[in-house]
């Protein structure tokens, strides 16, 4: 059981490392039109762009984290029910 959790942790760490290493190449994918529009805009427009980016990023992130939490919680709930059923079967066999 511990080896499974350590393998999951290692795979998560590897995935995080890949994402971190891939990030610099993603930053170089700027749109020239977006860059020139933002550079020529005033400070109010730049603030509006920043706010728009946050509005487009934060809700989906929270929804994804919430869905992961719900799925993990339900998964653990089903695992506990299966283990409880196995324990009940063991006790029934011992009583007979």
Protein backbone atom coordinates (compact mmCIF):
# COMPACT_ATOMS: atom_id res chain seq x y z
CA UNK A 1 0.00 0.00 0.00
CA UNK A 2 2.85 2.36 0.85
CA UNK A 3 4.64 1.58 -2.40
CA UNK A 4 1.50 2.50 -4.33
CA UNK A 5 1.25 5.86 -2.58
CA UNK A 6 4.96 6.55 -3.06
CA UNK A 7 4.63 5.63 -6.74
CA UNK A 8 1.69 8.03 -7.06
CA UNK A 9 3.69 10.75 -5.33
CA UNK A 10 6.65 10.14 -7.64
CA UNK A 11 4.45 10.28 -10.74
CA UNK A 12 2.85 13.51 -9.48
CA UNK A 13 6.29 15.03 -8.88
CA UNK A 14 7.40 13.98 -12.36
CA UNK A 15 4.28 15.51 -13.92
CA UNK A 16 4.85 18.76 -11.99
CA UNK A 17 8.45 18.85 -13.19
CA UNK A 18 7.37 18.37 -16.81
CA UNK A 19 4.84 21.19 -16.48
CA UNK A 20 7.44 23.51 -14.97
CA UNK A 21 9.95 22.71 -17.70
CA UNK A 22 7.36 23.19 -20.45
CA UNK A 23 6.26 26.60 -19.12
CA UNK A 24 9.11 28.67 -20.65
CA UNK A 25 8.26 27.44 -24.13
CA UNK A 26 4.59 28.28 -23.52
CA UNK A 27 5.48 31.84 -22.51
CA UNK A 28 7.18 32.38 -25.85
CA UNK A 29 3.90 31.77 -27.70
CA UNK A 30 2.76 35.41 -27.49
CA UNK A 31 0.31 36.81 -29.99
CA UNK A 32 1.87 39.79 -31.77
CA UNK A 33 -1.50 41.51 -32.18
CA UNK A 34 -2.33 41.14 -28.48
CA UNK A 35 1.10 42.43 -27.52
CA UNK A 36 0.88 45.54 -29.73
CA UNK A 37 -2.66 46.31 -28.57
CA UNK A 38 -1.69 46.00 -24.91
CA UNK A 39 1.48 48.04 -25.40
CA UNK A 40 -0.38 50.89 -27.07
CA UNK A 41 -3.22 50.88 -24.53
CA UNK A 42 -3.46 53.09 -21.50
CA UNK A 43 -3.21 52.01 -17.90
CA UNK A 44 -6.99 51.51 -17.60
CA UNK A 45 -7.01 49.13 -20.54
CA UNK A 46 -4.07 47.19 -19.14
CA UNK A 47 -5.87 46.86 -15.81
CA UNK A 48 -9.01 45.70 -17.65
CA UNK A 49 -6.95 43.05 -19.47
CA UNK A 50 -5.49 41.82 -16.20
CA UNK A 51 -8.94 41.67 -14.60
CA UNK A 52 -10.31 39.83 -17.63
CA UNK A 53 -7.53 37.27 -17.45
CA UNK A 54 -8.28 36.65 -13.77
CA UNK A 55 -12.00 36.32 -14.47
CA UNK A 56 -11.27 33.75 -17.18
CA UNK A 57 -8.77 31.74 -15.11
CA UNK A 58 -9.98 31.69 -11.50
CA UNK A 59 -13.53 30.21 -11.81
CA UNK A 60 -12.50 27.22 -13.96
CA UNK A 61 -9.60 26.55 -11.60
CA UNK A 62 -11.88 26.50 -8.56
CA UNK A 63 -14.41 24.34 -10.40
CA UNK A 64 -11.69 21.85 -11.37
CA UNK A 65 -10.35 21.68 -7.82
CA UNK A 66 -13.90 21.26 -6.51
CA UNK A 67 -14.61 18.43 -8.94
CA UNK A 68 -11.36 16.68 -8.01
CA UNK A 69 -12.31 16.98 -4.32
CA UNK A 70 -15.78 15.56 -4.92
CA UNK A 71 -14.48 12.67 -7.04
CA UNK A 72 -11.80 11.78 -4.49
CA UNK A 73 -14.33 11.95 -1.65
CA UNK A 74 -16.79 9.71 -3.48
CA UNK A 75 -14.01 7.32 -4.47
CA UNK A 76 -12.92 6.97 -0.85
CA UNK A 77 -16.55 6.50 0.19
CA UNK A 78 -16.97 3.55 -2.19
CA UNK A 79 -13.66 2.02 -1.09
CA UNK A 80 -14.73 2.19 2.53
CA UNK A 81 -18.04 0.51 1.72
CA UNK A 82 -16.24 -2.33 -0.10
CA UNK A 83 -13.87 -2.84 2.84
CA UNK A 84 -16.79 -2.83 5.30
CA UNK A 85 -18.57 -5.51 3.25
CA UNK A 86 -15.41 -7.65 3.23
CA UNK A 87 -15.10 -7.28 7.01
CA UNK A 88 -18.73 -8.29 7.51
CA UNK A 89 -18.21 -11.42 5.39
CA UNK A 90 -15.19 -12.38 7.48
CA UNK A 91 -17.12 -12.02 10.73
CA UNK A 92 -20.08 -13.99 9.35
CA UNK A 93 -17.78 -16.87 8.41
CA UNK A 94 -16.18 -16.92 11.84
CA UNK A 95 -19.56 -17.10 13.60
CA UNK A 96 -20.69 -20.16 11.59
